């Protein structure tokens, strides 16, 4: 059970957004600010949260 928890913590900083030009989803690392990968098939990645607009505080 501990292995799954550590995997989720590592994936917390990775989100996906939809590329408006291609219509495909792109995985982004928020800490590094880098694009990790893009999907060739339609639809979002499984298990990766979709980024929403952040609230300004």
PDB file of N, CA and C in Angstrom:
ATOM      1  N   UNK A   1       0.806  -1.192   0.000  1.00  0.00           N
ATOM      2  CA  UNK A   1       0.000   0.000   0.000  1.00  0.00           C
ATOM      3  C   UNK A   1       0.853   1.262   0.000  1.00  0.00           C
ATOM      4  N   UNK A   2       2.006   1.209   0.617  1.00  0.00           N
ATOM      5  CA  UNK A   2       2.868   2.387   0.683  1.00  0.00           C
ATOM      6  C   UNK A   2       3.418   2.760  -0.690  1.00  0.00           C
ATOM      7  N   UNK A   3       3.605   1.790  -1.554  1.00  0.00           N
ATOM      8  CA  UNK A   3       4.148   2.074  -2.879  1.00  0.00           C
ATOM      9  C   UNK A   3       3.195   2.943  -3.691  1.00  0.00           C
ATOM     10  N   UNK A   4       1.899   2.688  -3.582  1.00  0.00           N
ATOM     11  CA  UNK A   4       0.926   3.499  -4.312  1.00  0.00           C
ATOM     12  C   UNK A   4       0.897   4.930  -3.788  1.00  0.00           C
ATOM     13  N   UNK A   5       1.038   5.100  -2.490  1.00  0.00           N
ATOM     14  CA  UNK A   5       1.015   6.436  -1.913  1.00  0.00           C
ATOM     15  C   UNK A   5       2.190   7.258  -2.414  1.00  0.00           C
ATOM     16  N   UNK A   6       3.380   6.665  -2.448  1.00  0.00           N
ATOM     17  CA  UNK A   6       4.549   7.412  -2.914  1.00  0.00           C
ATOM     18  C   UNK A   6       4.414   7.768  -4.397  1.00  0.00           C
ATOM     19  N   UNK A   7       3.784   6.914  -5.182  1.00  0.00           N
ATOM     20  CA  UNK A   7       3.582   7.199  -6.592  1.00  0.00           C
ATOM     21  C   UNK A   7       2.630   8.371  -6.765  1.00  0.00           C
ATOM     22  N   UNK A   8       1.597   8.433  -5.965  1.00  0.00           N
ATOM     23  CA  UNK A   8       0.646   9.544  -6.058  1.00  0.00           C
ATOM     24  C   UNK A   8       1.295  10.856  -5.663  1.00  0.00           C
ATOM     25  N   UNK A   9       2.137  10.847  -4.661  1.00  0.00           N
ATOM     26  CA  UNK A   9       2.811  12.076  -4.248  1.00  0.00           C
ATOM     27  C   UNK A   9       3.707  12.594  -5.363  1.00  0.00           C
ATOM     28  N   UNK A  10       4.373  11.686  -6.034  1.00  0.00           N
ATOM     29  CA  UNK A  10       5.270  12.091  -7.114  1.00  0.00           C
ATOM     30  C   UNK A  10       4.467  12.674  -8.276  1.00  0.00           C
ATOM     31  N   UNK A  11       3.288  12.159  -8.554  1.00  0.00           N
ATOM     32  CA  UNK A  11       2.473  12.601  -9.682  1.00  0.00           C
ATOM     33  C   UNK A  11       1.664  13.859  -9.373  1.00  0.00           C
ATOM     34  N   UNK A  12       1.702  14.343  -8.158  1.00  0.00           N
ATOM     35  CA  UNK A  12       0.866  15.478  -7.775  1.00  0.00           C
ATOM     36  C   UNK A  12       1.224  16.737  -8.563  1.00  0.00           C
ATOM     37  N   UNK A  13       2.487  16.918  -8.916  1.00  0.00           N
ATOM     38  CA  UNK A  13       2.925  18.118  -9.607  1.00  0.00           C
ATOM     39  C   UNK A  13       2.796  18.001 -11.125  1.00  0.00           C
ATOM     40  N   UNK A  14       2.268  16.884 -11.600  1.00  0.00           N
ATOM     41  CA  UNK A  14       2.076  16.689 -13.041  1.00  0.00           C
ATOM     42  C   UNK A  14       0.591  16.853 -13.345  1.00  0.00           C
ATOM     43  N   UNK A  15       0.289  17.725 -14.304  1.00  0.00           N
ATOM     44  CA  UNK A  15      -1.094  17.967 -14.708  1.00  0.00           C
ATOM     45  C   UNK A  15      -1.171  17.883 -16.227  1.00  0.00           C
ATOM     46  N   UNK A  16      -2.377  17.865 -16.735  1.00  0.00           N
ATOM     47  CA  UNK A  16      -2.558  17.851 -18.189  1.00  0.00           C
ATOM     48  C   UNK A  16      -3.464  18.996 -18.605  1.00  0.00           C
ATOM     49  N   UNK A  17      -3.199  19.507 -19.779  1.00  0.00           N
ATOM     50  CA  UNK A  17      -4.022  20.562 -20.379  1.00  0.00           C
ATOM     51  C   UNK A  17      -4.282  20.192 -21.824  1.00  0.00           C
ATOM     52  N   UNK A  18      -5.348  20.748 -22.368  1.00  0.00           N
ATOM     53  CA  UNK A  18      -5.682  20.476 -23.764  1.00  0.00           C
ATOM     54  C   UNK A  18      -5.050  21.540 -24.647  1.00  0.00           C
ATOM     55  N   UNK A  19      -4.341  21.097 -25.655  1.00  0.00           N
ATOM     56  CA  UNK A  19      -3.720  22.000 -26.612  1.00  0.00           C
ATOM     57  C   UNK A  19      -4.810  22.481 -27.568  1.00  0.00           C
ATOM     58  N   UNK A  20      -5.099  23.777 -27.601  1.00  0.00           N
ATOM     59  CA  UNK A  20      -6.183  24.260 -28.458  1.00  0.00           C
ATOM     60  C   UNK A  20      -5.893  24.114 -29.951  1.00  0.00           C
ATOM     61  N   UNK A  21      -4.634  24.082 -30.312  1.00  0.00           N
ATOM     62  CA  UNK A  21      -4.275  23.973 -31.722  1.00  0.00           C
ATOM     63  C   UNK A  21      -4.473  22.568 -32.261  1.00  0.00           C
ATOM     64  N   UNK A  22      -3.994  21.585 -31.504  1.00  0.00           N
ATOM     65  CA  UNK A  22      -4.067  20.202 -31.979  1.00  0.00           C
ATOM     66  C   UNK A  22      -5.294  19.464 -31.451  1.00  0.00           C
ATOM     67  N   UNK A  23      -5.855  19.944 -30.331  1.00  0.00           N
ATOM     68  CA  UNK A  23      -6.995  19.273 -29.727  1.00  0.00           C
ATOM     69  C   UNK A  23      -6.588  18.061 -28.892  1.00  0.00           C
ATOM     70  N   UNK A  24      -5.298  17.839 -28.688  1.00  0.00           N
ATOM     71  CA  UNK A  24      -4.793  16.705 -27.896  1.00  0.00           C
ATOM     72  C   UNK A  24      -4.345  17.197 -26.521  1.00  0.00           C
ATOM     73  N   UNK A  25      -4.187  16.247 -25.607  1.00  0.00           N
ATOM     74  CA  UNK A  25      -3.762  16.589 -24.254  1.00  0.00           C
ATOM     75  C   UNK A  25      -2.250  16.524 -24.122  1.00  0.00           C
ATOM     76  N   UNK A  26      -1.705  17.409 -23.270  1.00  0.00           N
ATOM     77  CA  UNK A  26      -0.271  17.524 -23.039  1.00  0.00           C
ATOM     78  C   UNK A  26      -0.034  17.409 -21.533  1.00  0.00           C
ATOM     79  N   UNK A  27       0.971  16.609 -21.128  1.00  0.00           N
ATOM     80  CA  UNK A  27       1.341  16.489 -19.717  1.00  0.00           C
ATOM     81  C   UNK A  27       2.393  17.526 -19.396  1.00  0.00           C
ATOM     82  N   UNK A  28       2.191  18.257 -18.271  1.00  0.00           N
ATOM     83  CA  UNK A  28       3.095  19.322 -17.870  1.00  0.00           C
ATOM     84  C   UNK A  28       3.528  19.107 -16.427  1.00  0.00           C
ATOM     85  N   UNK A  29       4.827  19.293 -16.158  1.00  0.00           N
ATOM     86  CA  UNK A  29       5.359  19.258 -14.805  1.00  0.00           C
ATOM     87  C   UNK A  29       5.326  20.689 -14.281  1.00  0.00           C
ATOM     88  N   UNK A  30       4.528  20.938 -13.239  1.00  0.00           N
ATOM     89  CA  UNK A  30       4.372  22.299 -12.734  1.00  0.00           C
ATOM     90  C   UNK A  30       5.644  22.821 -12.073  1.00  0.00           C
ATOM     91  N   UNK A  31       6.380  21.965 -11.375  1.00  0.00           N
ATOM     92  CA  UNK A  31       7.596  22.432 -10.686  1.00  0.00           C
ATOM     93  C   UNK A  31       8.670  22.850 -11.676  1.00  0.00           C
ATOM     94  N   UNK A  32       8.924  22.029 -12.678  1.00  0.00           N
ATOM     95  CA  UNK A  32       9.977  22.322 -13.649  1.00  0.00           C
ATOM     96  C   UNK A  32       9.487  23.243 -14.757  1.00  0.00           C
ATOM     97  N   UNK A  33       8.172  23.303 -14.971  1.00  0.00           N
ATOM     98  CA  UNK A  33       7.626  24.130 -16.040  1.00  0.00           C
ATOM     99  C   UNK A  33       7.903  23.557 -17.419  1.00  0.00           C
ATOM    100  N   UNK A  34       8.017  22.226 -17.501  1.00  0.00           N
ATOM    101  CA  UNK A  34       8.355  21.574 -18.767  1.00  0.00           C
ATOM    102  C   UNK A  34       7.217  20.702 -19.258  1.00  0.00           C
ATOM    103  N   UNK A  35       7.111  20.564 -20.570  1.00  0.00           N
ATOM    104  CA  UNK A  35       6.173  19.632 -21.165  1.00  0.00           C
ATOM    105  C   UNK A  35       6.821  18.261 -21.132  1.00  0.00           C
ATOM    106  N   UNK A  36       6.115  17.284 -20.540  1.00  0.00           N
ATOM    107  CA  UNK A  36       6.658  15.938 -20.412  1.00  0.00           C
ATOM    108  C   UNK A  36       6.335  15.081 -21.627  1.00  0.00           C
ATOM    109  N   UNK A  37       5.080  15.129 -22.084  1.00  0.00           N
ATOM    110  CA  UNK A  37       4.686  14.318 -23.231  1.00  0.00           C
ATOM    111  C   UNK A  37       3.368  14.835 -23.792  1.00  0.00           C
ATOM    112  N   UNK A  38       3.024  14.331 -24.966  1.00  0.00           N
ATOM    113  CA  UNK A  38       1.742  14.661 -25.578  1.00  0.00           C
ATOM    114  C   UNK A  38       1.114  13.376 -26.097  1.00  0.00           C
ATOM    115  N   UNK A  39      -0.215  13.377 -26.161  1.00  0.00           N
ATOM    116  CA  UNK A  39      -0.933  12.178 -26.591  1.00  0.00           C
ATOM    117  C   UNK A  39      -1.123  12.168 -28.091  1.00  0.00           C
ATOM    118  N   UNK A  40      -0.965  10.988 -28.647  1.00  0.00           N
ATOM    119  CA  UNK A  40      -1.246  10.818 -30.070  1.00  0.00           C
ATOM    120  C   UNK A  40      -2.707  10.453 -30.286  1.00  0.00           C
ATOM    121  N   UNK A  41      -3.290   9.750 -29.303  1.00  0.00           N
ATOM    122  CA  UNK A  41      -4.689   9.336 -29.409  1.00  0.00           C
ATOM    123  C   UNK A  41      -5.583  10.381 -28.736  1.00  0.00           C
ATOM    124  N   UNK A  42      -6.837  10.454 -29.142  1.00  0.00           N
ATOM    125  CA  UNK A  42      -7.737  11.441 -28.537  1.00  0.00           C
ATOM    126  C   UNK A  42      -8.106  11.070 -27.098  1.00  0.00           C
ATOM    127  N   UNK A  43      -8.509  12.079 -26.327  1.00  0.00           N
ATOM    128  CA  UNK A  43      -8.932  11.863 -24.957  1.00  0.00           C
ATOM    129  C   UNK A  43      -7.825  12.173 -23.972  1.00  0.00           C
ATOM    130  N   UNK A  44      -8.197  12.386 -22.710  1.00  0.00           N
ATOM    131  CA  UNK A  44      -7.209  12.731 -21.682  1.00  0.00           C
ATOM    132  C   UNK A  44      -6.444  11.516 -21.177  1.00  0.00           C
ATOM    133  N   UNK A  45      -5.318  11.786 -20.488  1.00  0.00           N
ATOM    134  CA  UNK A  45      -4.555  10.734 -19.821  1.00  0.00           C
ATOM    135  C   UNK A  45      -5.355  10.201 -18.646  1.00  0.00           C
ATOM    136  N   UNK A  46      -5.202   8.932 -18.339  1.00  0.00           N
ATOM    137  CA  UNK A  46      -5.860   8.355 -17.170  1.00  0.00           C
ATOM    138  C   UNK A  46      -4.991   8.587 -15.948  1.00  0.00           C
ATOM    139  N   UNK A  47      -5.606   9.000 -14.851  1.00  0.00           N
ATOM    140  CA  UNK A  47      -4.897   9.156 -13.594  1.00  0.00           C
ATOM    141  C   UNK A  47      -4.098  10.440 -13.464  1.00  0.00           C
ATOM    142  N   UNK A  48      -4.175  11.336 -14.445  1.00  0.00           N
ATOM    143  CA  UNK A  48      -3.467  12.615 -14.371  1.00  0.00           C
ATOM    144  C   UNK A  48      -4.518  13.708 -14.288  1.00  0.00           C
ATOM    145  N   UNK A  49      -4.460  14.576 -13.256  1.00  0.00           N
ATOM    146  CA  UNK A  49      -5.494  15.606 -13.122  1.00  0.00           C
ATOM    147  C   UNK A  49      -5.407  16.647 -14.234  1.00  0.00           C
ATOM    148  N   UNK A  50      -6.563  17.156 -14.617  1.00  0.00           N
ATOM    149  CA  UNK A  50      -6.627  18.212 -15.624  1.00  0.00           C
ATOM    150  C   UNK A  50      -6.464  19.549 -14.910  1.00  0.00           C
ATOM    151  N   UNK A  51      -5.565  20.386 -15.400  1.00  0.00           N
ATOM    152  CA  UNK A  51      -5.266  21.668 -14.758  1.00  0.00           C
ATOM    153  C   UNK A  51      -6.451  22.609 -14.906  1.00  0.00           C
ATOM    154  N   UNK A  52      -6.766  23.275 -13.842  1.00  0.00           N
ATOM    155  CA  UNK A  52      -7.802  24.292 -13.824  1.00  0.00           C
ATOM    156  C   UNK A  52      -7.144  25.629 -13.535  1.00  0.00           C
ATOM    157  N   UNK A  53      -7.864  26.703 -13.749  1.00  0.00           N
ATOM    158  CA  UNK A  53      -7.329  28.028 -13.459  1.00  0.00           C
ATOM    159  C   UNK A  53      -7.079  28.147 -11.956  1.00  0.00           C
ATOM    160  N   UNK A  54      -5.924  28.655 -11.594  1.00  0.00           N
ATOM    161  CA  UNK A  54      -5.591  28.829 -10.178  1.00  0.00           C
ATOM    162  C   UNK A  54      -6.226  30.120  -9.670  1.00  0.00           C
ATOM    163  N   UNK A  55      -6.663  30.080  -8.400  1.00  0.00           N
ATOM    164  CA  UNK A  55      -7.236  31.270  -7.783  1.00  0.00           C
ATOM    165  C   UNK A  55      -6.106  32.158  -7.294  1.00  0.00           C
ATOM    166  N   UNK A  56      -6.197  33.439  -7.560  1.00  0.00           N
ATOM    167  CA  UNK A  56      -5.206  34.393  -7.057  1.00  0.00           C
ATOM    168  C   UNK A  56      -5.544  34.747  -5.628  1.00  0.00           C
ATOM    169  N   UNK A  57      -4.548  34.661  -4.786  1.00  0.00           N
ATOM    170  CA  UNK A  57      -4.798  34.975  -3.362  1.00  0.00           C
ATOM    171  C   UNK A  57      -4.096  36.222  -2.957  1.00  0.00           C
TER     172      UNK A  57
END
